[in-house]
PDB file of N, CA and C in Angstrom:
ATOM      1  N   SER A   1     124.217  60.708  69.016  1.00  0.00           N
ATOM      2  CA  SER A   1     122.804  61.237  70.242  1.00  0.00           C
ATOM      3  C   SER A   1     123.943  62.216  71.353  1.00  0.00           C
ATOM      4  N   VAL A   2     123.170  63.086  72.437  1.00  0.00           N
ATOM      5  CA  VAL A   2     123.925  63.882  72.743  1.00  0.00           C
ATOM      6  C   VAL A   2     125.303  63.219  74.063  1.00  0.00           C
ATOM      7  N   LEU A   3     124.562  62.152  74.252  1.00  0.00           N
ATOM      8  CA  LEU A   3     126.382  61.772  74.869  1.00  0.00           C
ATOM      9  C   LEU A   3     127.150  61.691  74.162  1.00  0.00           C
ATOM     10  N   ALA A   4     127.038  61.088  73.139  1.00  0.00           N
ATOM     11  CA  ALA A   4     128.468  60.508  72.178  1.00  0.00           C
ATOM     12  C   ALA A   4     129.140  61.856  72.103  1.00  0.00           C
ATOM     13  N   MET A   5     128.647  63.350  71.963  1.00  0.00           N
ATOM     14  CA  MET A   5     128.887  64.580  71.522  1.00  0.00           C
ATOM     15  C   MET A   5     129.361  65.304  72.714  1.00  0.00           C
ATOM     16  N   GLU A   6     129.335  64.193  74.409  1.00  0.00           N
ATOM     17  CA  GLU A   6     129.711  65.281  75.499  1.00  0.00           C
ATOM     18  C   GLU A   6     130.837  65.731  75.424  1.00  0.00           C
ATOM     19  N   GLU A   7     132.307  65.398  74.595  1.00  0.00           N
ATOM     20  CA  GLU A   7     133.182  66.364  74.981  1.00  0.00           C
ATOM     21  C   GLU A   7     133.329  67.325  73.683  1.00  0.00           C
ATOM     22  N   ALA A   8     132.662  67.427  72.888  1.00  0.00           N
ATOM     23  CA  ALA A   8     132.467  68.771  71.819  1.00  0.00           C
ATOM     24  C   ALA A   8     131.795  70.108  71.795  1.00  0.00           C
ATOM     25  N   ILE A   9     130.375  69.476  73.092  1.00  0.00           N
ATOM     26  CA  ILE A   9     129.741  70.011  73.331  1.00  0.00           C
ATOM     27  C   ILE A   9     130.283  71.326  74.686  1.00  0.00           C
ATOM     28  N   ALA A  10     131.065  69.877  75.543  1.00  0.00           N
ATOM     29  CA  ALA A  10     132.022  70.970  76.971  1.00  0.00           C
ATOM     30  C   ALA A  10     132.823  71.629  76.367  1.00  0.00           C
ATOM     31  N   LYS A  11     133.681  71.448  74.933  1.00  0.00           N
ATOM     32  CA  LYS A  11     134.231  72.657  73.881  1.00  0.00           C
ATOM     33  C   LYS A  11     134.072  73.861  73.522  1.00  0.00           C
ATOM     34  N   VAL A  12     132.769  73.351  73.005  1.00  0.00           N
ATOM     35  CA  VAL A  12     132.170  74.850  72.681  1.00  0.00           C
ATOM     36  C   VAL A  12     131.149  75.973  73.851  1.00  0.00           C
ATOM     37  N   ALA A  13     130.841  75.144  74.908  1.00  0.00           N
ATOM     38  CA  ALA A  13     130.293  75.797  76.037  1.00  0.00           C
ATOM     39  C   ALA A  13     131.334  76.611  76.876  1.00  0.00           C
ATOM     40  N   LYS A  14     132.727  76.233  76.888  1.00  0.00           N
ATOM     41  CA  LYS A  14     133.908  76.658  78.005  1.00  0.00           C
ATOM     42  C   LYS A  14     133.846  78.066  76.689  1.00  0.00           C
ATOM     43  N   VAL A  15     134.122  77.931  75.199  1.00  0.00           N
ATOM     44  CA  VAL A  15     134.212  79.263  74.478  1.00  0.00           C
ATOM     45  C   VAL A  15     133.020  80.242  74.749  1.00  0.00           C
ATOM     46  N   PHE A  16     131.913  79.829  74.560  1.00  0.00           N
ATOM     47  CA  PHE A  16     130.636  80.230  74.706  1.00  0.00           C
ATOM     48  C   PHE A  16     130.440  81.028  76.214  1.00  0.00           C
ATOM     49  N   GLY A  17     130.944  80.560  76.774  1.00  0.00           N
ATOM     50  CA  GLY A  17     129.934  80.550  78.642  1.00  0.00           C
ATOM     51  C   GLY A  17     129.944  81.271  79.075  1.00  0.00           C
ATOM     52  N   ASP A  18     131.099  82.643  79.226  1.00  0.00           N
ATOM     53  CA  ASP A  18     131.342  83.786  79.313  1.00  0.00           C
ATOM     54  C   ASP A  18     130.715  84.981  78.579  1.00  0.00           C
ATOM     55  N   LYS A  19     130.280  84.609  77.617  1.00  0.00           N
ATOM     56  CA  LYS A  19     129.309  85.603  76.374  1.00  0.00           C
ATOM     57  C   LYS A  19     128.177  86.180  77.397  1.00  0.00           C
ATOM     58  N   GLU A  20     128.052  87.530  77.318  1.00  0.00           N
ATOM     59  CA  GLU A  20     126.606  88.297  77.912  1.00  0.00           C
ATOM     60  C   GLU A  20     125.782  88.511  76.652  1.00  0.00           C
ATOM     61  N   HIS A  21     126.596  88.138  75.137  1.00  0.00           N
ATOM     62  CA  HIS A  21     125.518  88.419  73.977  1.00  0.00           C
ATOM     63  C   HIS A  21     125.201  87.260  73.160  1.00  0.00           C
ATOM     64  N   ALA A  22     124.563  86.975  72.531  1.00  0.00           N
ATOM     65  CA  ALA A  22     124.278  85.997  71.482  1.00  0.00           C
ATOM     66  C   ALA A  22     123.072  85.921  70.478  1.00  0.00           C
ATOM     67  N   LEU A  23     123.243  86.211  69.437  1.00  0.00           N
ATOM     68  CA  LEU A  23     122.240  86.444  68.317  1.00  0.00           C
ATOM     69  C   LEU A  23     121.778  84.627  67.638  1.00  0.00           C
ATOM     70  N   PHE A  24     120.804  84.436  68.083  1.00  0.00           N
ATOM     71  CA  PHE A  24     120.117  83.210  67.209  1.00  0.00           C
ATOM     72  C   PHE A  24     119.436  83.823  66.257  1.00  0.00           C
ATOM     73  N   LEU A  25     119.562  83.384  64.882  1.00  0.00           N
ATOM     74  CA  LEU A  25     119.030  83.640  62.954  1.00  0.00           C
ATOM     75  C   LEU A  25     118.500  82.224  63.151  1.00  0.00           C
ATOM     76  N   GLY A  26     117.235  82.034  62.550  1.00  0.00           N
ATOM     77  CA  GLY A  26     116.412  81.048  61.809  1.00  0.00           C
ATOM     78  C   GLY A  26     115.768  81.142  60.841  1.00  0.00           C
ATOM     79  N   ARG A  27     115.890  80.475  59.816  1.00  0.00           N
ATOM     80  CA  ARG A  27     114.430  80.805  58.958  1.00  0.00           C
ATOM     81  C   ARG A  27     114.138  79.702  58.703  1.00  0.00           C
ATOM     82  N   GLY A  28     113.213  79.454  57.624  1.00  0.00           N
ATOM     83  CA  GLY A  28     111.997  78.228  57.585  1.00  0.00           C
ATOM     84  C   GLY A  28     112.108  77.815  58.553  1.00  0.00           C
ATOM     85  N   ALA A  29     112.045  76.104  58.001  1.00  0.00           N
ATOM     86  CA  ALA A  29     112.268  74.763  59.261  1.00  0.00           C
ATOM     87  C   ALA A  29     112.834  75.456  60.780  1.00  0.00           C
ATOM     88  N   HIS A  30     114.359  75.944  60.661  1.00  0.00           N
ATOM     89  CA  HIS A  30     114.804  76.406  61.850  1.00  0.00           C
ATOM     90  C   HIS A  30     113.994  77.727  62.506  1.00  0.00           C
ATOM     91  N   PHE A  31     113.294  77.929  61.833  1.00  0.00           N
ATOM     92  CA  PHE A  31     113.415  79.490  63.056  1.00  0.00           C
ATOM     93  C   PHE A  31     112.958  79.492  64.553  1.00  0.00           C
ATOM     94  N   PRO A  32     111.540  78.256  64.049  1.00  0.00           N
ATOM     95  CA  PRO A  32     111.294  77.604  65.807  1.00  0.00           C
ATOM     96  C   PRO A  32     112.528  76.749  66.769  1.00  0.00           C
ATOM     97  N   ILE A  33     113.946  76.406  65.688  1.00  0.00           N
ATOM     98  CA  ILE A  33     114.837  75.732  66.916  1.00  0.00           C
ATOM     99  C   ILE A  33     115.761  77.338  67.623  1.00  0.00           C
ATOM    100  N   ALA A  34     116.048  78.668  66.007  1.00  0.00           N
ATOM    101  CA  ALA A  34     116.444  79.751  66.390  1.00  0.00           C
ATOM    102  C   ALA A  34     115.371  80.494  68.138  1.00  0.00           C
ATOM    103  N   MET A  35     114.324  80.550  68.148  1.00  0.00           N
ATOM    104  CA  MET A  35     113.178  81.179  69.304  1.00  0.00           C
ATOM    105  C   MET A  35     113.809  80.544  70.240  1.00  0.00           C
ATOM    106  N   GLU A  36     113.900  79.038  70.136  1.00  0.00           N
ATOM    107  CA  GLU A  36     113.798  78.284  71.309  1.00  0.00           C
ATOM    108  C   GLU A  36     115.002  78.879  72.379  1.00  0.00           C
ATOM    109  N   GLY A  37     116.276  78.744  71.325  1.00  0.00           N
ATOM    110  CA  GLY A  37     117.554  79.132  71.923  1.00  0.00           C
ATOM    111  C   GLY A  37     117.318  80.714  71.988  1.00  0.00           C
ATOM    112  N   ALA A  38     116.925  81.190  71.143  1.00  0.00           N
ATOM    113  CA  ALA A  38     116.605  82.735  72.235  1.00  0.00           C
ATOM    114  C   ALA A  38     116.364  83.160  73.378  1.00  0.00           C
ATOM    115  N   LEU A  39     116.091  82.082  73.944  1.00  0.00           N
ATOM    116  CA  LEU A  39     115.127  81.530  75.066  1.00  0.00           C
ATOM    117  C   LEU A  39     116.405  82.203  76.447  1.00  0.00           C
TER     118      LEU A  39
END
């Protein structure tokens, strides 16, 4: 669950939190997930 991953998520957020640009790629079943992330 997300709550169990809280520490790992915080580390990733610290690394990427100050970035101004991101590229989300998805294909097949992952395409809608990439589109949602790109919002």
